[in-house]
Protein backbone atom coordinates (compact mmCIF):
# COMPACT_ATOMS: atom_id res chain seq x y z
CA UNK A 1 3.77 -38.91 35.96
CA UNK A 2 3.41 -36.05 38.44
CA UNK A 3 0.66 -33.59 37.61
CA UNK A 4 1.78 -29.98 37.25
CA UNK A 5 -1.59 -28.70 38.32
CA UNK A 6 -3.10 -28.41 41.76
CA UNK A 7 -3.91 -31.68 43.49
CA UNK A 8 -7.62 -32.25 42.83
CA UNK A 9 -8.24 -33.60 46.34
CA UNK A 10 -6.74 -30.47 47.86
CA UNK A 11 -8.82 -28.37 45.48
CA UNK A 12 -12.02 -30.11 46.55
CA UNK A 13 -11.24 -29.68 50.24
CA UNK A 14 -10.30 -26.02 49.91
CA UNK A 15 -13.40 -25.36 47.82
CA UNK A 16 -15.55 -26.90 50.55
CA UNK A 17 -13.75 -24.83 53.17
CA UNK A 18 -14.34 -21.60 51.26
CA UNK A 19 -18.00 -22.45 50.71
CA UNK A 20 -18.37 -23.26 54.41
CA UNK A 21 -16.81 -19.93 55.47
CA UNK A 22 -18.93 -17.99 52.96
CA UNK A 23 -22.07 -19.71 54.23
CA UNK A 24 -21.36 -19.63 57.98
CA UNK A 25 -19.37 -16.40 58.41
CA UNK A 26 -22.07 -14.78 60.56
CA UNK A 27 -21.38 -17.40 63.26
CA UNK A 28 -17.63 -16.71 63.01
CA UNK A 29 -16.73 -20.42 63.09
CA UNK A 30 -13.47 -21.41 64.75
CA UNK A 31 -10.56 -23.01 62.94
CA UNK A 32 -11.29 -26.37 64.56
CA UNK A 33 -14.84 -26.43 63.19
CA UNK A 34 -13.79 -25.59 59.63
CA UNK A 35 -10.97 -28.14 59.72
CA UNK A 36 -13.33 -30.80 61.01
CA UNK A 37 -15.80 -29.99 58.24
CA UNK A 38 -13.20 -30.82 55.56
CA UNK A 39 -11.78 -33.79 57.45
CA UNK A 40 -8.35 -32.43 58.40
CA UNK A 41 -6.50 -31.64 61.61
CA UNK A 42 -6.31 -27.98 62.59
CA UNK A 43 -2.57 -27.83 61.98
CA UNK A 44 -2.68 -29.50 58.58
CA UNK A 45 -5.73 -27.54 57.44
CA UNK A 46 -4.28 -24.18 58.48
CA UNK A 47 -0.96 -24.93 56.77
CA UNK A 48 -2.62 -26.28 53.61
CA UNK A 49 -5.08 -23.40 53.32
CA UNK A 50 -2.33 -20.82 53.75
CA UNK A 51 0.00 -22.48 51.27
CA UNK A 52 -2.79 -22.91 48.77
CA UNK A 53 -4.61 -19.61 49.23
CA UNK A 54 -1.89 -17.25 50.39
CA UNK A 55 -3.65 -16.35 53.64
CA UNK A 56 -4.97 -18.12 56.72
CA UNK A 57 -8.56 -19.29 57.20
CA UNK A 58 -8.94 -16.62 59.91
CA UNK A 59 -7.81 -13.91 57.51
CA UNK A 60 -10.17 -15.17 54.84
CA UNK A 61 -13.05 -15.21 57.32
CA UNK A 62 -12.25 -11.58 58.14
CA UNK A 63 -12.36 -10.71 54.43
CA UNK A 64 -15.74 -12.36 53.99
CA UNK A 65 -17.07 -10.50 57.03
CA UNK A 66 -15.76 -7.16 55.75
CA UNK A 67 -17.25 -7.79 52.34
CA UNK A 68 -20.63 -8.49 53.87
CA UNK A 69 -20.33 -5.18 55.72
CA UNK A 70 -20.00 -3.32 52.43
CA UNK A 71 -16.49 -3.73 51.05
CA UNK A 72 -16.43 -4.12 47.29
CA UNK A 73 -15.17 -7.51 46.22
CA UNK A 74 -12.63 -6.17 43.79
CA UNK A 75 -11.01 -3.88 46.36
CA UNK A 76 -10.18 -6.72 48.72
CA UNK A 77 -6.70 -8.25 48.94
CA UNK A 78 -6.15 -11.34 46.83
CA UNK A 79 -7.80 -14.47 48.12
CA UNK A 80 -5.99 -16.94 45.90
CA UNK A 81 -2.26 -16.62 45.44
CA UNK A 82 -1.90 -18.28 42.07
CA UNK A 83 1.87 -18.38 42.10
CA UNK A 84 1.74 -20.84 44.96
CA UNK A 85 -1.54 -22.56 44.25
CA UNK A 86 -1.14 -23.67 40.65
CA UNK A 87 2.58 -23.48 40.02
CA UNK A 88 2.37 -21.57 36.74
CA UNK A 89 4.67 -18.72 35.71
CA UNK A 90 4.67 -15.84 33.28
CA UNK A 91 1.96 -13.37 32.31
CA UNK A 92 -1.77 -13.91 31.94
CA UNK A 93 -2.33 -17.10 30.00
CA UNK A 94 -4.91 -15.68 27.62
CA UNK A 95 -2.33 -13.20 26.29
CA UNK A 96 -0.76 -16.19 24.53
CA UNK A 97 -3.93 -18.04 23.53
CA UNK A 98 -5.67 -17.01 20.34
CA UNK A 99 -9.27 -18.18 20.44
CA UNK A 100 -11.51 -18.49 17.38
CA UNK A 101 -15.20 -19.22 17.73
CA UNK A 102 -17.52 -20.76 15.15
CA UNK A 103 -21.18 -21.58 15.68
CA UNK A 104 -22.68 -24.82 14.45
CA UNK A 105 -24.97 -24.25 11.47
CA UNK A 106 -28.69 -25.10 11.59
CA UNK A 107 -27.99 -27.94 9.17
CA UNK A 108 -25.30 -29.40 11.43
CA UNK A 109 -27.63 -29.16 14.42
CA UNK A 110 -30.46 -30.90 12.54
CA UNK A 111 -28.06 -33.67 11.52
CA UNK A 112 -27.48 -34.46 15.21
CA UNK A 113 -23.77 -35.00 14.72
CA UNK A 114 -24.08 -37.63 12.00
CA UNK A 115 -20.63 -38.48 10.66
CA UNK A 116 -18.87 -36.53 13.44
CA UNK A 117 -16.48 -38.05 15.96
CA UNK A 118 -16.45 -36.38 19.37
CA UNK A 119 -13.47 -37.18 21.56
CA UNK A 120 -13.99 -36.66 25.25
CA UNK A 121 -12.18 -37.23 28.51
CA UNK A 122 -11.31 -35.97 31.97
CA UNK A 123 -8.20 -33.93 32.70
CA UNK A 124 -6.86 -31.93 35.64
CA UNK A 125 -6.81 -28.13 35.39
CA UNK A 126 -5.65 -25.44 37.82
CA UNK A 127 -9.23 -25.33 39.12
CA UNK A 128 -10.03 -29.01 39.52
CA UNK A 129 -10.94 -31.76 37.11
CA UNK A 130 -12.74 -30.92 33.87
CA UNK A 131 -14.75 -32.76 31.25
CA UNK A 132 -13.31 -31.86 27.86
CA UNK A 133 -14.72 -32.71 24.44
CA UNK A 134 -13.83 -31.67 20.92
CA UNK A 135 -14.73 -32.31 17.30
CA UNK A 136 -12.52 -31.94 14.22
CA UNK A 137 -13.77 -28.35 14.03
CA UNK A 138 -12.75 -27.44 17.56
CA UNK A 139 -13.38 -27.60 21.29
CA UNK A 140 -17.10 -28.04 21.96
CA UNK A 141 -17.27 -28.56 25.72
CA UNK A 142 -15.22 -27.74 28.81
CA UNK A 143 -17.01 -28.21 32.11
CA UNK A 144 -15.50 -28.42 35.57
CA UNK A 145 -16.52 -31.56 37.45
CA UNK A 146 -16.46 -32.15 41.20
CA UNK A 147 -17.40 -35.82 41.27
CA UNK A 148 -15.51 -38.91 40.15
CA UNK A 149 -17.12 -39.22 36.72
CA UNK A 150 -18.39 -37.35 33.70
CA UNK A 151 -21.81 -38.97 33.39
CA UNK A 152 -23.93 -35.81 33.49
CA UNK A 153 -21.82 -33.85 31.02
CA UNK A 154 -21.43 -36.77 28.65
CA UNK A 155 -25.17 -37.40 28.68
CA UNK A 156 -25.88 -33.77 27.85
CA UNK A 157 -23.49 -33.98 24.92
CA UNK A 158 -25.02 -37.26 23.70
CA UNK A 159 -28.49 -35.72 23.91
CA UNK A 160 -27.30 -32.77 21.87
CA UNK A 161 -25.51 -34.93 19.26
CA UNK A 162 -27.38 -38.26 19.25
CA UNK A 163 -25.92 -39.45 15.94
CA UNK A 164 -22.28 -38.62 16.64
CA UNK A 165 -19.63 -41.21 17.43
CA UNK A 166 -18.22 -40.75 20.93
CA UNK A 167 -14.68 -41.85 21.74
CA UNK A 168 -13.14 -41.73 25.22
CA UNK A 169 -9.72 -40.08 24.92
CA UNK A 170 -8.22 -38.77 28.16
CA UNK A 171 -4.89 -38.14 26.42
CA UNK A 172 -6.60 -35.77 23.99
CA UNK A 173 -8.33 -34.02 26.92
CA UNK A 174 -4.98 -33.53 28.61
CA UNK A 175 -3.49 -32.10 25.42
CA UNK A 176 -6.30 -29.56 25.19
CA UNK A 177 -5.90 -28.60 28.85
CA UNK A 178 -2.16 -28.19 28.32
CA UNK A 179 -2.91 -25.92 25.36
CA UNK A 180 -5.30 -23.77 27.38
CA UNK A 181 -3.24 -23.49 30.56
CA UNK A 182 0.21 -24.23 29.20
CA UNK A 183 3.09 -21.95 28.35
CA UNK A 184 3.23 -22.00 24.56
CA UNK A 185 1.57 -19.64 22.13
CA UNK A 186 -1.34 -21.48 20.52
CA UNK A 187 -4.54 -21.06 18.56
CA UNK A 188 -7.62 -22.75 19.99
CA UNK A 189 -10.69 -23.13 17.75
CA UNK A 190 -14.08 -23.40 19.45
CA UNK A 191 -17.12 -25.05 17.86
CA UNK A 192 -20.23 -24.15 19.85
CA UNK A 193 -23.92 -24.86 19.60
CA UNK A 194 -26.20 -22.01 20.62
CA UNK A 195 -28.82 -19.53 19.50
CA UNK A 196 -27.73 -16.44 17.60
CA UNK A 197 -28.10 -14.35 20.74
CA UNK A 198 -26.13 -16.78 22.90
CA UNK A 199 -23.29 -16.80 20.38
CA UNK A 200 -23.29 -12.98 20.35
CA UNK A 201 -22.93 -12.95 24.13
CA UNK A 202 -20.12 -15.50 24.05
CA UNK A 203 -18.28 -13.53 21.36
CA UNK A 204 -18.59 -10.38 23.46
CA UNK A 205 -17.07 -12.18 26.43
CA UNK A 206 -14.13 -13.27 24.30
CA UNK A 207 -13.47 -9.63 23.45
CA UNK A 208 -12.93 -8.64 27.10
CA UNK A 209 -9.37 -7.75 28.06
CA UNK A 210 -7.59 -10.19 30.41
CA UNK A 211 -9.14 -9.98 33.92
CA UNK A 212 -11.62 -7.29 32.75
CA UNK A 213 -15.06 -7.67 34.34
CA UNK A 214 -18.46 -6.52 33.16
CA UNK A 215 -21.97 -6.42 34.62
CA UNK A 216 -24.94 -8.17 33.05
CA UNK A 217 -26.57 -4.83 32.25
CA UNK A 218 -23.40 -3.39 30.72
CA UNK A 219 -22.98 -6.50 28.59
CA UNK A 220 -26.58 -6.12 27.43
CA UNK A 221 -25.91 -2.50 26.44
CA UNK A 222 -22.77 -3.56 24.55
CA UNK A 223 -25.00 -5.86 22.50
CA UNK A 224 -27.57 -3.14 21.83
CA UNK A 225 -30.10 -4.67 24.21
CA UNK A 226 -30.33 -2.16 27.10
CA UNK A 227 -33.25 -4.03 28.65
CA UNK A 228 -31.82 -7.47 28.02
CA UNK A 229 -29.84 -8.12 31.22
CA UNK A 230 -31.94 -11.17 32.07
CA UNK A 231 -31.51 -12.66 28.60
CA UNK A 232 -27.78 -11.98 28.83
CA UNK A 233 -27.70 -13.77 32.18
CA UNK A 234 -29.36 -16.82 30.65
CA UNK A 235 -26.86 -16.85 27.79
CA UNK A 236 -23.93 -16.49 30.18
CA UNK A 237 -25.26 -19.39 32.24
CA UNK A 238 -25.51 -21.55 29.11
CA UNK A 239 -21.83 -21.09 28.24
CA UNK A 240 -20.58 -24.54 27.16
CA UNK A 241 -16.86 -23.80 27.48
CA UNK A 242 -15.66 -22.83 30.95
CA UNK A 243 -12.71 -20.48 31.43
CA UNK A 244 -11.96 -19.98 27.72
CA UNK A 245 -15.28 -18.17 27.18
CA UNK A 246 -14.87 -16.14 30.39
CA UNK A 247 -18.36 -16.08 31.87
CA UNK A 248 -16.65 -15.89 35.29
CA UNK A 249 -15.94 -12.21 34.55
CA UNK A 250 -19.62 -11.25 34.52
CA UNK A 251 -20.66 -9.71 37.83
CA UNK A 252 -23.83 -8.38 39.34
CA UNK A 253 -24.45 -4.64 39.60
CA UNK A 254 -22.23 -3.09 42.26
CA UNK A 255 -19.43 -5.61 41.71
CA UNK A 256 -21.08 -8.49 43.60
CA UNK A 257 -19.78 -11.88 42.55
CA UNK A 258 -23.09 -13.43 41.49
CA UNK A 259 -23.63 -17.06 40.58
CA UNK A 260 -21.53 -19.43 38.53
CA UNK A 261 -22.49 -22.63 36.79
CA UNK A 262 -19.47 -24.43 38.23
CA UNK A 263 -19.64 -23.02 41.77
CA UNK A 264 -19.22 -19.55 43.25
CA UNK A 265 -16.08 -20.55 45.15
CA UNK A 266 -14.47 -21.65 41.89
CA UNK A 267 -15.53 -18.38 40.23
CA UNK A 268 -13.77 -16.45 42.95
CA UNK A 269 -10.61 -18.53 42.62
CA UNK A 270 -10.52 -18.03 38.87
CA UNK A 271 -10.99 -14.29 39.10
CA UNK A 272 -8.28 -13.93 41.74
CA UNK A 273 -5.96 -16.11 39.68
CA UNK A 274 -6.46 -13.82 36.68
CA UNK A 275 -5.99 -10.69 38.75
CA UNK A 276 -2.71 -11.96 40.12
CA UNK A 277 -1.52 -13.10 36.70
CA UNK A 278 -2.31 -9.81 34.96
CA UNK A 279 -1.27 -7.46 37.76
CA UNK A 280 -4.80 -6.18 38.43
CA UNK A 281 -5.29 -5.04 42.02
């Protein structure tokens, strides 16, 4: 069956191209060098990048250079043209997705998942493949993966819930992905494991408007912790559920992109996708 999402091989190549340009922009690399780096001919790479990103590699290189010279990231033209890159239509997806979040109780954590079945699998999303896992109470893990397997993410989950029963279920993973990035109104329960402070941070992120961004320090102030930007950063970095809990909307002071657990290039793509979907410029 044809996948409605972006081809994961194309995603990987374009991600590598963006990372290469971001890293090497001071040398102003030529098209031939970038194409060679991702293993494509100049013609095919230029055409693919433009179709996928909505602008040419040369134009993107110019944007990166301008940004380094002082342009604010949010004032730049869109880097990722979602309408062409992921083939979705309609308004911002999170307008239609009602998310509820529940934290695991101390007793459940101490039990190590005894008596709980965790279904897990790999599914394609608009931003590459993802490891997805859920319990009867709700989605407990969504992590983008760049390699062929889910070994690291599955091990982390097994370490966290050593007494749980784990069942491979790619069909279930695909159903969850379709719920998150699909077209139907849906309610998605989340079941997370974190400290009280981490859960507070994740709840605050869920309260952001679609495509709204916030700095670490502003988020700390929202939580009544004006000197807690570093602690907020640690909680953001520990987010177990990519995209749905929108840690990609947290920026450094001054609007700089900052880091991202699943890659800065992916963070940029996600933010541009949201901006295009919600009409933010």
